Amino acid sequence: MKKAKLLIIDDESELVSALTERLTLRGYEANGVTNFTDGVKFLKKLPDVVILDIGLPDMDGLEALKKIKEINPSIQVIMLSGYGDDERVNKSLMYGAYDYLIKPVEIEELISKIESAKLKKEEMK
């Protein structure tokens, strides 16, 4: 099976570059940006999975999630946050996020979620 096309949107540039590099080394086509505005051009290329920080400099992560789902509802979104606020977790899932992970995230756990999310996207075709 072909590896997932990924888009990472997080305001922490070190995290974006580290995740992009580590996922690319594992065979994924990964692009990373530090704000939603820059992410829009990559969304037009229809990634399979978006890894989205809940706290972005130019837009709330929940609003960004809604916009991603408007662009294409089959794009799977894994939310990332530095804290597990139950209300935000519930809202994320209600707005269509595939899952919600707390930073720092283990790369193996993230890859497992990416693979599961890609399978869900394939089922939606």
PDB file of N, CA and C in Angstrom:
ATOM      1  N   MET A   1       0.857  -1.191   0.000  1.00  0.00           N
ATOM      2  CA  MET A   1       0.000   0.000   0.000  1.00  0.00           C
ATOM      3  C   MET A   1       0.895   1.243   0.000  1.00  0.00           C
ATOM      4  N   LYS A   2       0.492   2.225  -0.787  1.00  0.00           N
ATOM      5  CA  LYS A   2       1.243   3.479  -0.871  1.00  0.00           C
ATOM      6  C   LYS A   2       1.171   4.215   0.467  1.00  0.00           C
ATOM      7  N   LYS A   3       2.294   4.835   0.844  1.00  0.00           N
ATOM      8  CA  LYS A   3       2.338   5.602   2.099  1.00  0.00           C
ATOM      9  C   LYS A   3       1.457   6.850   1.976  1.00  0.00           C
ATOM     10  N   ALA A   4       0.969   7.302   3.112  1.00  0.00           N
ATOM     11  CA  ALA A   4       0.079   8.462   3.157  1.00  0.00           C
ATOM     12  C   ALA A   4       0.819   9.748   2.793  1.00  0.00           C
ATOM     13  N   LYS A   5       0.075  10.654   2.127  1.00  0.00           N
ATOM     14  CA  LYS A   5       0.557  12.030   1.917  1.00  0.00           C
ATOM     15  C   LYS A   5       0.149  12.821   3.154  1.00  0.00           C
ATOM     16  N   LEU A   6       1.134  13.501   3.762  1.00  0.00           N
ATOM     17  CA  LEU A   6       0.886  14.170   5.037  1.00  0.00           C
ATOM     18  C   LEU A   6       1.110  15.672   4.953  1.00  0.00           C
ATOM     19  N   LEU A   7       0.349  16.394   5.760  1.00  0.00           N
ATOM     20  CA  LEU A   7       0.570  17.819   5.968  1.00  0.00           C
ATOM     21  C   LEU A   7       0.597  18.048   7.475  1.00  0.00           C
ATOM     22  N   ILE A   8       1.680  18.689   7.933  1.00  0.00           N
ATOM     23  CA  ILE A   8       1.831  19.001   9.352  1.00  0.00           C
ATOM     24  C   ILE A   8       1.679  20.513   9.509  1.00  0.00           C
ATOM     25  N   ILE A   9       0.735  20.927  10.362  1.00  0.00           N
ATOM     26  CA  ILE A   9       0.528  22.350  10.632  1.00  0.00           C
ATOM     27  C   ILE A   9       0.650  22.551  12.139  1.00  0.00           C
ATOM     28  N   ASP A  10       1.740  23.201  12.548  1.00  0.00           N
ATOM     29  CA  ASP A  10       2.004  23.431  13.971  1.00  0.00           C
ATOM     30  C   ASP A  10       2.816  24.713  14.088  1.00  0.00           C
ATOM     31  N   ASP A  11       2.555  25.514  15.118  1.00  0.00           N
ATOM     32  CA  ASP A  11       3.270  26.786  15.263  1.00  0.00           C
ATOM     33  C   ASP A  11       4.709  26.612  15.756  1.00  0.00           C
ATOM     34  N   GLU A  12       5.071  25.428  16.227  1.00  0.00           N
ATOM     35  CA  GLU A  12       6.441  25.178  16.684  1.00  0.00           C
ATOM     36  C   GLU A  12       7.290  24.702  15.507  1.00  0.00           C
ATOM     37  N   SER A  13       8.102  25.601  14.955  1.00  0.00           N
ATOM     38  CA  SER A  13       8.870  25.267  13.753  1.00  0.00           C
ATOM     39  C   SER A  13       9.823  24.087  13.962  1.00  0.00           C
ATOM     40  N   GLU A  14      10.376  23.949  15.177  1.00  0.00           N
ATOM     41  CA  GLU A  14      11.276  22.814  15.443  1.00  0.00           C
ATOM     42  C   GLU A  14      10.511  21.500  15.355  1.00  0.00           C
ATOM     43  N   LEU A  15       9.298  21.473  15.887  1.00  0.00           N
ATOM     44  CA  LEU A  15       8.472  20.267  15.829  1.00  0.00           C
ATOM     45  C   LEU A  15       8.106  19.948  14.381  1.00  0.00           C
ATOM     46  N   VAL A  16       7.715  20.965  13.629  1.00  0.00           N
ATOM     47  CA  VAL A  16       7.339  20.773  12.229  1.00  0.00           C
ATOM     48  C   VAL A  16       8.514  20.172  11.455  1.00  0.00           C
ATOM     49  N   SER A  17       9.710  20.745  11.601  1.00  0.00           N
ATOM     50  CA  SER A  17      10.844  20.232  10.834  1.00  0.00           C
ATOM     51  C   SER A  17      11.246  18.836  11.305  1.00  0.00           C
ATOM     52  N   ALA A  18      11.202  18.578  12.603  1.00  0.00           N
ATOM     53  CA  ALA A  18      11.550  17.247  13.112  1.00  0.00           C
ATOM     54  C   ALA A  18      10.560  16.184  12.626  1.00  0.00           C
ATOM     55  N   LEU A  19       9.273  16.463  12.745  1.00  0.00           N
ATOM     56  CA  LEU A  19       8.268  15.493  12.292  1.00  0.00           C
ATOM     57  C   LEU A  19       8.343  15.287  10.782  1.00  0.00           C
ATOM     58  N   THR A  20       8.489  16.377  10.033  1.00  0.00           N
ATOM     59  CA  THR A  20       8.565  16.269   8.574  1.00  0.00           C
ATOM     60  C   THR A  20       9.749  15.385   8.186  1.00  0.00           C
ATOM     61  N   GLU A  21      10.897  15.644   8.809  1.00  0.00           N
ATOM     62  CA  GLU A  21      12.101  14.861   8.502  1.00  0.00           C
ATOM     63  C   GLU A  21      11.932  13.391   8.887  1.00  0.00           C
ATOM     64  N   ARG A  22      11.446  13.141  10.090  1.00  0.00           N
ATOM     65  CA  ARG A  22      11.311  11.754  10.570  1.00  0.00           C
ATOM     66  C   ARG A  22      10.294  10.973   9.741  1.00  0.00           C
ATOM     67  N   LEU A  23       9.207  11.608   9.355  1.00  0.00           N
ATOM     68  CA  LEU A  23       8.184  10.913   8.563  1.00  0.00           C
ATOM     69  C   LEU A  23       8.648  10.709   7.118  1.00  0.00           C
ATOM     70  N   THR A  24       9.387  11.669   6.568  1.00  0.00           N
ATOM     71  CA  THR A  24       9.933  11.529   5.218  1.00  0.00           C
ATOM     72  C   THR A  24      10.926  10.360   5.184  1.00  0.00           C
ATOM     73  N   LEU A  25      11.762  10.253   6.211  1.00  0.00           N
ATOM     74  CA  LEU A  25      12.721   9.145   6.295  1.00  0.00           C
ATOM     75  C   LEU A  25      12.020   7.790   6.346  1.00  0.00           C
ATOM     76  N   ARG A  26      10.786   7.779   6.823  1.00  0.00           N
ATOM     77  CA  ARG A  26      10.004   6.538   6.886  1.00  0.00           C
ATOM     78  C   ARG A  26       9.167   6.316   5.622  1.00  0.00           C
ATOM     79  N   GLY A  27       9.396   7.129   4.604  1.00  0.00           N
ATOM     80  CA  GLY A  27       8.746   6.892   3.315  1.00  0.00           C
ATOM     81  C   GLY A  27       7.478   7.676   3.050  1.00  0.00           C
ATOM     82  N   TYR A  28       7.103   8.554   3.961  1.00  0.00           N
ATOM     83  CA  TYR A  28       5.903   9.367   3.748  1.00  0.00           C
ATOM     84  C   TYR A  28       6.255  10.599   2.924  1.00  0.00           C
ATOM     85  N   GLU A  29       5.285  11.081   2.168  1.00  0.00           N
ATOM     86  CA  GLU A  29       5.418  12.379   1.500  1.00  0.00           C
ATOM     87  C   GLU A  29       4.869  13.394   2.500  1.00  0.00           C
ATOM     88  N   ALA A  30       5.773  14.094   3.194  1.00  0.00           N
ATOM     89  CA  ALA A  30       5.359  14.980   4.281  1.00  0.00           C
ATOM     90  C   ALA A  30       5.761  16.421   3.997  1.00  0.00           C
ATOM     91  N   ASN A  31       4.804  17.323   4.172  1.00  0.00           N
ATOM     92  CA  ASN A  31       5.058  18.760   4.086  1.00  0.00           C
ATOM     93  C   ASN A  31       4.676  19.362   5.429  1.00  0.00           C
ATOM     94  N   GLY A  32       5.411  20.394   5.836  1.00  0.00           N
ATOM     95  CA  GLY A  32       5.115  21.019   7.112  1.00  0.00           C
ATOM     96  C   GLY A  32       5.135  22.533   7.019  1.00  0.00           C
ATOM     97  N   VAL A  33       4.199  23.164   7.726  1.00  0.00           N
ATOM     98  CA  VAL A  33       4.094  24.624   7.771  1.00  0.00           C
ATOM     99  C   VAL A  33       3.786  25.051   9.205  1.00  0.00           C
ATOM    100  N   THR A  34       4.010  26.335   9.491  1.00  0.00           N
ATOM    101  CA  THR A  34       3.805  26.818  10.862  1.00  0.00           C
ATOM    102  C   THR A  34       2.546  27.661  11.045  1.00  0.00           C
ATOM    103  N   ASN A  35       1.707  27.752  10.009  1.00  0.00           N
ATOM    104  CA  ASN A  35       0.424  28.451  10.161  1.00  0.00           C
ATOM    105  C   ASN A  35      -0.561  27.935   9.127  1.00  0.00           C
ATOM    106  N   PHE A  36      -1.837  28.189   9.378  1.00  0.00           N
ATOM    107  CA  PHE A  36      -2.880  27.648   8.507  1.00  0.00           C
ATOM    108  C   PHE A  36      -2.845  28.293   7.119  1.00  0.00           C
ATOM    109  N   THR A  37      -2.544  29.577   7.051  1.00  0.00           N
ATOM    110  CA  THR A  37      -2.507  30.275   5.765  1.00  0.00           C
ATOM    111  C   THR A  37      -1.556  29.585   4.800  1.00  0.00           C
ATOM    112  N   ASP A  38      -0.358  29.239   5.272  1.00  0.00           N
ATOM    113  CA  ASP A  38       0.595  28.521   4.423  1.00  0.00           C
ATOM    114  C   ASP A  38       0.128  27.101   4.114  1.00  0.00           C
ATOM    115  N   GLY A  39      -0.636  26.530   5.020  1.00  0.00           N
ATOM    116  CA  GLY A  39      -1.134  25.170   4.829  1.00  0.00           C
ATOM    117  C   GLY A  39      -2.162  25.037   3.724  1.00  0.00           C
ATOM    118  N   VAL A  40      -2.878  26.129   3.425  1.00  0.00           N
ATOM    119  CA  VAL A  40      -3.957  26.071   2.432  1.00  0.00           C
ATOM    120  C   VAL A  40      -3.449  25.590   1.071  1.00  0.00           C
ATOM    121  N   LYS A  41      -2.266  26.065   0.646  1.00  0.00           N
ATOM    122  CA  LYS A  41      -1.764  25.644  -0.670  1.00  0.00           C
ATOM    123  C   LYS A  41      -1.482  24.144  -0.706  1.00  0.00           C
ATOM    124  N   PHE A  42      -1.056  23.572   0.429  1.00  0.00           N
ATOM    125  CA  PHE A  42      -0.822  22.131   0.482  1.00  0.00           C
ATOM    126  C   PHE A  42      -2.145  21.365   0.573  1.00  0.00           C
ATOM    127  N   LEU A  43      -3.158  21.972   1.158  1.00  0.00           N
ATOM    128  CA  LEU A  43      -4.468  21.318   1.234  1.00  0.00           C
ATOM    129  C   LEU A  43      -5.055  21.116  -0.157  1.00  0.00           C
ATOM    130  N   LYS A  44      -4.714  22.013  -1.091  1.00  0.00           N
ATOM    131  CA  LYS A  44      -5.208  21.876  -2.466  1.00  0.00           C
ATOM    132  C   LYS A  44      -4.632  20.647  -3.147  1.00  0.00           C
ATOM    133  N   LYS A  45      -3.498  20.130  -2.631  1.00  0.00           N
ATOM    134  CA  LYS A  45      -2.896  18.902  -3.169  1.00  0.00           C
ATOM    135  C   LYS A  45      -3.511  17.656  -2.530  1.00  0.00           C
ATOM    136  N   LEU A  46      -4.517  17.856  -1.697  1.00  0.00           N
ATOM    137  CA  LEU A  46      -5.277  16.805  -1.034  1.00  0.00           C
ATOM    138  C   LEU A  46      -4.430  15.758  -0.313  1.00  0.00           C
ATOM    139  N   PRO A  47      -3.854  16.139   0.812  1.00  0.00           N
ATOM    140  CA  PRO A  47      -3.137  15.145   1.617  1.00  0.00           C
ATOM    141  C   PRO A  47      -4.122  14.112   2.163  1.00  0.00           C
ATOM    142  N   ASP A  48      -3.609  12.940   2.503  1.00  0.00           N
ATOM    143  CA  ASP A  48      -4.468  11.918   3.111  1.00  0.00           C
ATOM    144  C   ASP A  48      -4.753  12.276   4.568  1.00  0.00           C
ATOM    145  N   VAL A  49      -3.692  12.750   5.250  1.00  0.00           N
ATOM    146  CA  VAL A  49      -3.791  13.021   6.684  1.00  0.00           C
ATOM    147  C   VAL A  49      -3.131  14.366   6.998  1.00  0.00           C
ATOM    148  N   VAL A  50      -3.817  15.167   7.815  1.00  0.00           N
ATOM    149  CA  VAL A  50      -3.253  16.420   8.317  1.00  0.00           C
ATOM    150  C   VAL A  50      -3.020  16.251   9.814  1.00  0.00           C
ATOM    151  N   ILE A  51      -1.822  16.599  10.247  1.00  0.00           N
ATOM    152  CA  ILE A  51      -1.499  16.629  11.675  1.00  0.00           C
ATOM    153  C   ILE A  51      -1.580  18.097  12.067  1.00  0.00           C
ATOM    154  N   LEU A  52      -2.572  18.435  12.876  1.00  0.00           N
ATOM    155  CA  LEU A  52      -2.946  19.830  13.108  1.00  0.00           C
ATOM    156  C   LEU A  52      -2.850  20.200  14.579  1.00  0.00           C
ATOM    157  N   ASP A  53      -2.073  21.241  14.864  1.00  0.00           N
ATOM    158  CA  ASP A  53      -1.973  21.762  16.231  1.00  0.00           C
ATOM    159  C   ASP A  53      -3.253  22.520  16.561  1.00  0.00           C
ATOM    160  N   ILE A  54      -3.699  22.395  17.785  1.00  0.00           N
ATOM    161  CA  ILE A  54      -4.924  23.086  18.210  1.00  0.00           C
ATOM    162  C   ILE A  54      -4.690  24.586  18.367  1.00  0.00           C
ATOM    163  N   GLY A  55      -3.429  24.984  18.637  1.00  0.00           N
ATOM    164  CA  GLY A  55      -3.116  26.399  18.833  1.00  0.00           C
ATOM    165  C   GLY A  55      -2.236  26.933  17.715  1.00  0.00           C
ATOM    166  N   LEU A  56      -2.827  27.624  16.768  1.00  0.00           N
ATOM    167  CA  LEU A  56      -2.082  28.188  15.643  1.00  0.00           C
ATOM    168  C   LEU A  56      -2.035  29.709  15.768  1.00  0.00           C
ATOM    169  N   PRO A  57      -1.016  30.353  15.197  1.00  0.00           N
ATOM    170  CA  PRO A  57      -0.906  31.806  15.331  1.00  0.00           C
ATOM    171  C   PRO A  57      -1.967  32.581  14.548  1.00  0.00           C
ATOM    172  N   ASP A  58      -2.440  32.030  13.432  1.00  0.00           N
ATOM    173  CA  ASP A  58      -3.355  32.780  12.575  1.00  0.00           C
ATOM    174  C   ASP A  58      -4.802  32.294  12.615  1.00  0.00           C
ATOM    175  N   MET A  59      -5.060  31.189  13.314  1.00  0.00           N
ATOM    176  CA  MET A  59      -6.429  30.669  13.374  1.00  0.00           C
ATOM    177  C   MET A  59      -6.507  29.612  14.469  1.00  0.00           C
ATOM    178  N   ASP A  60      -7.632  29.568  15.156  1.00  0.00           N
ATOM    179  CA  ASP A  60      -7.856  28.526  16.147  1.00  0.00           C
ATOM    180  C   ASP A  60      -7.866  27.168  15.439  1.00  0.00           C
ATOM    181  N   GLY A  61      -7.255  26.166  16.064  1.00  0.00           N
ATOM    182  CA  GLY A  61      -7.185  24.835  15.464  1.00  0.00           C
ATOM    183  C   GLY A  61      -8.543  24.234  15.141  1.00  0.00           C
ATOM    184  N   LEU A  62      -9.546  24.517  15.968  1.00  0.00           N
ATOM    185  CA  LEU A  62     -10.889  23.995  15.695  1.00  0.00           C
ATOM    186  C   LEU A  62     -11.475  24.625  14.427  1.00  0.00           C
ATOM    187  N   GLU A  63     -11.229  25.927  14.245  1.00  0.00           N
ATOM    188  CA  GLU A  63     -11.684  26.595  13.012  1.00  0.00           C
ATOM    189  C   GLU A  63     -10.945  26.031  11.799  1.00  0.00           C
ATOM    190  N   ALA A  64      -9.642  25.800  11.961  1.00  0.00           N
ATOM    191  CA  ALA A  64      -8.848  25.219  10.875  1.00  0.00           C
ATOM    192  C   ALA A  64      -9.380  23.828  10.511  1.00  0.00           C
ATOM    193  N   LEU A  65      -9.728  23.046  11.526  1.00  0.00           N
ATOM    194  CA  LEU A  65     -10.300  21.712  11.297  1.00  0.00           C
ATOM    195  C   LEU A  65     -11.572  21.814  10.458  1.00  0.00           C
ATOM    196  N   LYS A  66     -12.459  22.742  10.822  1.00  0.00           N
ATOM    197  CA  LYS A  66     -13.703  22.924  10.054  1.00  0.00           C
ATOM    198  C   LYS A  66     -13.401  23.274   8.603  1.00  0.00           C
ATOM    199  N   LYS A  67     -12.421  24.161   8.383  1.00  0.00           N
ATOM    200  CA  LYS A  67     -12.076  24.582   7.018  1.00  0.00           C
ATOM    201  C   LYS A  67     -11.499  23.418   6.213  1.00  0.00           C
ATOM    202  N   ILE A  68     -10.669  22.594   6.850  1.00  0.00           N
ATOM    203  CA  ILE A  68     -10.112  21.423   6.161  1.00  0.00           C
ATOM    204  C   ILE A  68     -11.246  20.504   5.721  1.00  0.00           C
ATOM    205  N   LYS A  69     -12.198  20.275   6.595  1.00  0.00           N
ATOM    206  CA  LYS A  69     -13.327  19.397   6.274  1.00  0.00           C
ATOM    207  C   LYS A  69     -14.218  20.002   5.181  1.00  0.00           C
ATOM    208  N   GLU A  70     -14.275  21.339   5.103  1.00  0.00           N
ATOM    209  CA  GLU A  70     -15.014  21.992   4.011  1.00  0.00           C
ATOM    210  C   GLU A  70     -14.296  21.781   2.681  1.00  0.00           C
ATOM    211  N   ILE A  71     -12.963  21.850   2.699  1.00  0.00           N
ATOM    212  CA  ILE A  71     -12.181  21.657   1.477  1.00  0.00           C
ATOM    213  C   ILE A  71     -12.375  20.237   0.961  1.00  0.00           C
ATOM    214  N   ASN A  72     -12.255  19.253   1.863  1.00  0.00           N
ATOM    215  CA  ASN A  72     -12.470  17.862   1.475  1.00  0.00           C
ATOM    216  C   ASN A  72     -12.733  17.037   2.734  1.00  0.00           C
ATOM    217  N   PRO A  73     -13.970  16.559   2.898  1.00  0.00           N
ATOM    218  CA  PRO A  73     -14.322  15.826   4.117  1.00  0.00           C
ATOM    219  C   PRO A  73     -13.558  14.511   4.302  1.00  0.00           C
ATOM    220  N   SER A  74     -12.960  13.975   3.227  1.00  0.00           N
ATOM    221  CA  SER A  74     -12.251  12.700   3.378  1.00  0.00           C
ATOM    222  C   SER A  74     -10.852  12.861   3.956  1.00  0.00           C
ATOM    223  N   ILE A  75     -10.324  14.099   3.995  1.00  0.00           N
ATOM    224  CA  ILE A  75      -9.007  14.317   4.607  1.00  0.00           C
ATOM    225  C   ILE A  75      -9.140  14.021   6.098  1.00  0.00           C
ATOM    226  N   GLN A  76      -8.274  13.135   6.585  1.00  0.00           N
ATOM    227  CA  GLN A  76      -8.300  12.768   7.998  1.00  0.00           C
ATOM    228  C   GLN A  76      -7.389  13.715   8.779  1.00  0.00           C
ATOM    229  N   VAL A  77      -7.865  14.164   9.924  1.00  0.00           N
ATOM    230  CA  VAL A  77      -7.120  15.147  10.711  1.00  0.00           C
ATOM    231  C   VAL A  77      -6.829  14.575  12.097  1.00  0.00           C
ATOM    232  N   ILE A  78      -5.537  14.570  12.439  1.00  0.00           N
ATOM    233  CA  ILE A  78      -5.103  14.180  13.778  1.00  0.00           C
ATOM    234  C   ILE A  78      -4.717  15.467  14.497  1.00  0.00           C
ATOM    235  N   MET A  79      -5.450  15.788  15.541  1.00  0.00           N
ATOM    236  CA  MET A  79      -5.188  17.003  16.310  1.00  0.00           C
ATOM    237  C   MET A  79      -4.040  16.763  17.285  1.00  0.00           C
ATOM    238  N   LEU A  80      -3.225  17.800  17.486  1.00  0.00           N
ATOM    239  CA  LEU A  80      -2.143  17.768  18.473  1.00  0.00           C
ATOM    240  C   LEU A  80      -2.344  18.910  19.450  1.00  0.00           C
ATOM    241  N   SER A  81      -2.038  18.653  20.711  1.00  0.00           N
ATOM    242  CA  SER A  81      -2.133  19.720  21.695  1.00  0.00           C
ATOM    243  C   SER A  81      -1.140  19.469  22.815  1.00  0.00           C
ATOM    244  N   GLY A  82      -0.727  20.542  23.437  1.00  0.00           N
ATOM    245  CA  GLY A  82       0.158  20.437  24.585  1.00  0.00           C
ATOM    246  C   GLY A  82      -0.585  20.046  25.853  1.00  0.00           C
ATOM    247  N   TYR A  83      -1.902  20.054  25.803  1.00  0.00           N
ATOM    248  CA  TYR A  83      -2.690  19.713  26.984  1.00  0.00           C
ATOM    249  C   TYR A  83      -3.996  19.057  26.562  1.00  0.00           C
ATOM    250  N   GLY A  84      -4.521  18.192  27.421  1.00  0.00           N
ATOM    251  CA  GLY A  84      -5.719  17.411  27.096  1.00  0.00           C
ATOM    252  C   GLY A  84      -6.986  17.992  27.667  1.00  0.00           C
ATOM    253  N   ASP A  85      -7.361  19.155  27.211  1.00  0.00           N
ATOM    254  CA  ASP A  85      -8.588  19.815  27.632  1.00  0.00           C
ATOM    255  C   ASP A  85      -9.782  19.037  27.058  1.00  0.00           C
ATOM    256  N   ASP A  86     -10.582  18.425  27.956  1.00  0.00           N
ATOM    257  CA  ASP A  86     -11.687  17.563  27.513  1.00  0.00           C
ATOM    258  C   ASP A  86     -12.636  18.252  26.541  1.00  0.00           C
ATOM    259  N   GLU A  87     -12.930  19.518  26.790  1.00  0.00           N
ATOM    260  CA  GLU A  87     -13.860  20.238  25.916  1.00  0.00           C
ATOM    261  C   GLU A  87     -13.306  20.332  24.491  1.00  0.00           C
ATOM    262  N   ARG A  88     -12.014  20.675  24.375  1.00  0.00           N
ATOM    263  CA  ARG A  88     -11.400  20.786  23.036  1.00  0.00           C
ATOM    264  C   ARG A  88     -11.297  19.413  22.368  1.00  0.00           C
ATOM    265  N   VAL A  89     -10.977  18.388  23.142  1.00  0.00           N
ATOM    266  CA  VAL A  89     -10.915  17.029  22.592  1.00  0.00           C
ATOM    267  C   VAL A  89     -12.286  16.663  22.023  1.00  0.00           C
ATOM    268  N   ASN A  90     -13.334  16.852  22.818  1.00  0.00           N
ATOM    269  CA  ASN A  90     -14.690  16.507  22.384  1.00  0.00           C
ATOM    270  C   ASN A  90     -15.115  17.311  21.165  1.00  0.00           C
ATOM    271  N   LYS A  91     -14.826  18.622  21.161  1.00  0.00           N
ATOM    272  CA  LYS A  91     -15.187  19.459  20.018  1.00  0.00           C
ATOM    273  C   LYS A  91     -14.436  19.013  18.771  1.00  0.00           C
ATOM    274  N   SER A  92     -13.156  18.693  18.916  1.00  0.00           N
ATOM    275  CA  SER A  92     -12.364  18.236  17.772  1.00  0.00           C
ATOM    276  C   SER A  92     -13.002  16.997  17.140  1.00  0.00           C
ATOM    277  N   LEU A  93     -13.348  16.044  17.986  1.00  0.00           N
ATOM    278  CA  LEU A  93     -13.944  14.804  17.482  1.00  0.00           C
ATOM    279  C   LEU A  93     -15.321  15.075  16.880  1.00  0.00           C
ATOM    280  N   MET A  94     -16.080  15.973  17.499  1.00  0.00           N
ATOM    281  CA  MET A  94     -17.399  16.335  16.987  1.00  0.00           C
ATOM    282  C   MET A  94     -17.294  17.001  15.609  1.00  0.00           C
ATOM    283  N   TYR A  95     -16.238  17.799  15.397  1.00  0.00           N
ATOM    284  CA  TYR A  95     -16.045  18.487  14.118  1.00  0.00           C
ATOM    285  C   TYR A  95     -15.373  17.605  13.072  1.00  0.00           C
ATOM    286  N   GLY A  96     -15.122  16.338  13.412  1.00  0.00           N
ATOM    287  CA  GLY A  96     -14.634  15.409  12.402  1.00  0.00           C
ATOM    288  C   GLY A  96     -13.173  15.012  12.477  1.00  0.00           C
ATOM    289  N   ALA A  97     -12.483  15.371  13.559  1.00  0.00           N
ATOM    290  CA  ALA A  97     -11.088  14.936  13.694  1.00  0.00           C
ATOM    291  C   ALA A  97     -11.053  13.419  13.835  1.00  0.00           C
ATOM    292  N   TYR A  98     -10.020  12.824  13.294  1.00  0.00           N
ATOM    293  CA  TYR A  98      -9.849  11.370  13.415  1.00  0.00           C
ATOM    294  C   TYR A  98      -9.414  10.999  14.831  1.00  0.00           C
ATOM    295  N   ASP A  99      -8.506  11.783  15.389  1.00  0.00           N
ATOM    296  CA  ASP A  99      -8.001  11.496  16.730  1.00  0.00           C
ATOM    297  C   ASP A  99      -7.377  12.755  17.314  1.00  0.00           C
ATOM    298  N   TYR A 100      -6.988  12.678  18.572  1.00  0.00           N
ATOM    299  CA  TYR A 100      -6.447  13.813  19.316  1.00  0.00           C
ATOM    300  C   TYR A 100      -5.291  13.289  20.152  1.00  0.00           C
ATOM    301  N   LEU A 101      -4.088  13.788  19.904  1.00  0.00           N
ATOM    302  CA  LEU A 101      -2.900  13.342  20.629  1.00  0.00           C
ATOM    303  C   LEU A 101      -2.305  14.481  21.447  1.00  0.00           C
ATOM    304  N   ILE A 102      -1.723  14.119  22.576  1.00  0.00           N
ATOM    305  CA  ILE A 102      -1.104  15.101  23.464  1.00  0.00           C
ATOM    306  C   ILE A 102       0.408  15.113  23.219  1.00  0.00           C
ATOM    307  N   LYS A 103       0.971  16.335  23.087  1.00  0.00           N
ATOM    308  CA  LYS A 103       2.424  16.483  22.933  1.00  0.00           C
ATOM    309  C   LYS A 103       3.095  16.267  24.287  1.00  0.00           C
ATOM    310  N   PRO A 104       4.315  15.785  24.329  1.00  0.00           N
ATOM    311  CA  PRO A 104       5.076  15.303  23.178  1.00  0.00           C
ATOM    312  C   PRO A 104       4.542  13.943  22.736  1.00  0.00           C
ATOM    313  N   VAL A 105       4.476  13.745  21.443  1.00  0.00           N
ATOM    314  CA  VAL A 105       3.921  12.508  20.900  1.00  0.00           C
ATOM    315  C   VAL A 105       5.067  11.580  20.490  1.00  0.00           C
ATOM    316  N   GLU A 106       4.904  10.308  20.789  1.00  0.00           N
ATOM    317  CA  GLU A 106       5.881   9.301  20.371  1.00  0.00           C
ATOM    318  C   GLU A 106       5.703   9.052  18.874  1.00  0.00           C
ATOM    319  N   ILE A 107       6.802   9.000  18.126  1.00  0.00           N
ATOM    320  CA  ILE A 107       6.722   8.845  16.674  1.00  0.00           C
ATOM    321  C   ILE A 107       6.006   7.550  16.284  1.00  0.00           C
ATOM    322  N   GLU A 108       6.236   6.474  17.019  1.00  0.00           N
ATOM    323  CA  GLU A 108       5.575   5.202  16.678  1.00  0.00           C
ATOM    324  C   GLU A 108       4.058   5.289  16.878  1.00  0.00           C
ATOM    325  N   GLU A 109       3.636   5.978  17.935  1.00  0.00           N
ATOM    326  CA  GLU A 109       2.198   6.164  18.172  1.00  0.00           C
ATOM    327  C   GLU A 109       1.599   7.008  17.044  1.00  0.00           C
ATOM    328  N   LEU A 110       2.306   8.060  16.649  1.00  0.00           N
ATOM    329  CA  LEU A 110       1.822   8.919  15.581  1.00  0.00           C
ATOM    330  C   LEU A 110       1.715   8.138  14.273  1.00  0.00           C
ATOM    331  N   ILE A 111       2.715   7.345  13.951  1.00  0.00           N
ATOM    332  CA  ILE A 111       2.682   6.546  12.718  1.00  0.00           C
ATOM    333  C   ILE A 111       1.511   5.569  12.739  1.00  0.00           C
ATOM    334  N   SER A 112       1.267   4.964  13.875  1.00  0.00           N
ATOM    335  CA  SER A 112       0.130   4.048  14.006  1.00  0.00           C
ATOM    336  C   SER A 112      -1.188   4.780  13.713  1.00  0.00           C
ATOM    337  N   LYS A 113      -1.335   5.979  14.263  1.00  0.00           N
ATOM    338  CA  LYS A 113      -2.553   6.780  14.025  1.00  0.00           C
ATOM    339  C   LYS A 113      -2.653   7.195  12.557  1.00  0.00           C
ATOM    340  N   ILE A 114      -1.508   7.567  11.955  1.00  0.00           N
ATOM    341  CA  ILE A 114      -1.501   7.953  10.532  1.00  0.00           C
ATOM    342  C   ILE A 114      -1.976   6.792   9.672  1.00  0.00           C
ATOM    343  N   GLU A 115      -1.456   5.594   9.932  1.00  0.00           N
ATOM    344  CA  GLU A 115      -1.840   4.416   9.147  1.00  0.00           C
ATOM    345  C   GLU A 115      -3.331   4.117   9.298  1.00  0.00           C
ATOM    346  N   SER A 116      -3.843   4.198  10.517  1.00  0.00           N
ATOM    347  CA  SER A 116      -5.279   3.958  10.755  1.00  0.00           C
ATOM    348  C   SER A 116      -6.125   5.016  10.058  1.00  0.00           C
ATOM    349  N   ALA A 117      -5.684   6.271  10.126  1.00  0.00           N
ATOM    350  CA  ALA A 117      -6.431   7.363   9.490  1.00  0.00           C
ATOM    351  C   ALA A 117      -6.438   7.194   7.972  1.00  0.00           C
ATOM    352  N   LYS A 118      -5.325   6.759   7.389  1.00  0.00           N
ATOM    353  CA  LYS A 118      -5.268   6.546   5.940  1.00  0.00           C
ATOM    354  C   LYS A 118      -6.235   5.439   5.530  1.00  0.00           C
ATOM    355  N   LEU A 119      -6.305   4.375   6.315  1.00  0.00           N
ATOM    356  CA  LEU A 119      -7.259   3.296   6.026  1.00  0.00           C
ATOM    357  C   LEU A 119      -8.690   3.833   6.046  1.00  0.00           C
ATOM    358  N   LYS A 120      -8.993   4.684   7.010  1.00  0.00           N
ATOM    359  CA  LYS A 120     -10.345   5.265   7.088  1.00  0.00           C
ATOM    360  C   LYS A 120     -10.620   6.107   5.837  1.00  0.00           C
ATOM    361  N   LYS A 121      -9.615   6.881   5.397  1.00  0.00           N
ATOM    362  CA  LYS A 121      -9.791   7.692   4.195  1.00  0.00           C
ATOM    363  C   LYS A 121     -10.055   6.807   2.980  1.00  0.00           C
ATOM    364  N   GLU A 122      -9.317   5.699   2.872  1.00  0.00           N
ATOM    365  CA  GLU A 122      -9.499   4.764   1.749  1.00  0.00           C
ATOM    366  C   GLU A 122     -10.931   4.210   1.738  1.00  0.00           C
ATOM    367  N   GLU A 123     -11.469   3.932   2.931  1.00  0.00           N
ATOM    368  CA  GLU A 123     -12.829   3.399   3.041  1.00  0.00           C
ATOM    369  C   GLU A 123     -13.873   4.404   2.574  1.00  0.00           C
ATOM    370  N   MET A 124     -13.538   5.700   2.636  1.00  0.00           N
ATOM    371  CA  MET A 124     -14.501   6.743   2.277  1.00  0.00           C
ATOM    372  C   MET A 124     -14.604   6.950   0.770  1.00  0.00           C
ATOM    373  N   LYS A 125     -13.664   6.379   0.012  1.00  0.00           N
ATOM    374  CA  LYS A 125     -13.661   6.595  -1.444  1.00  0.00           C
ATOM    375  C   LYS A 125     -14.823   5.885  -2.100  1.00  0.00           C
TER     376      LYS A 125
END
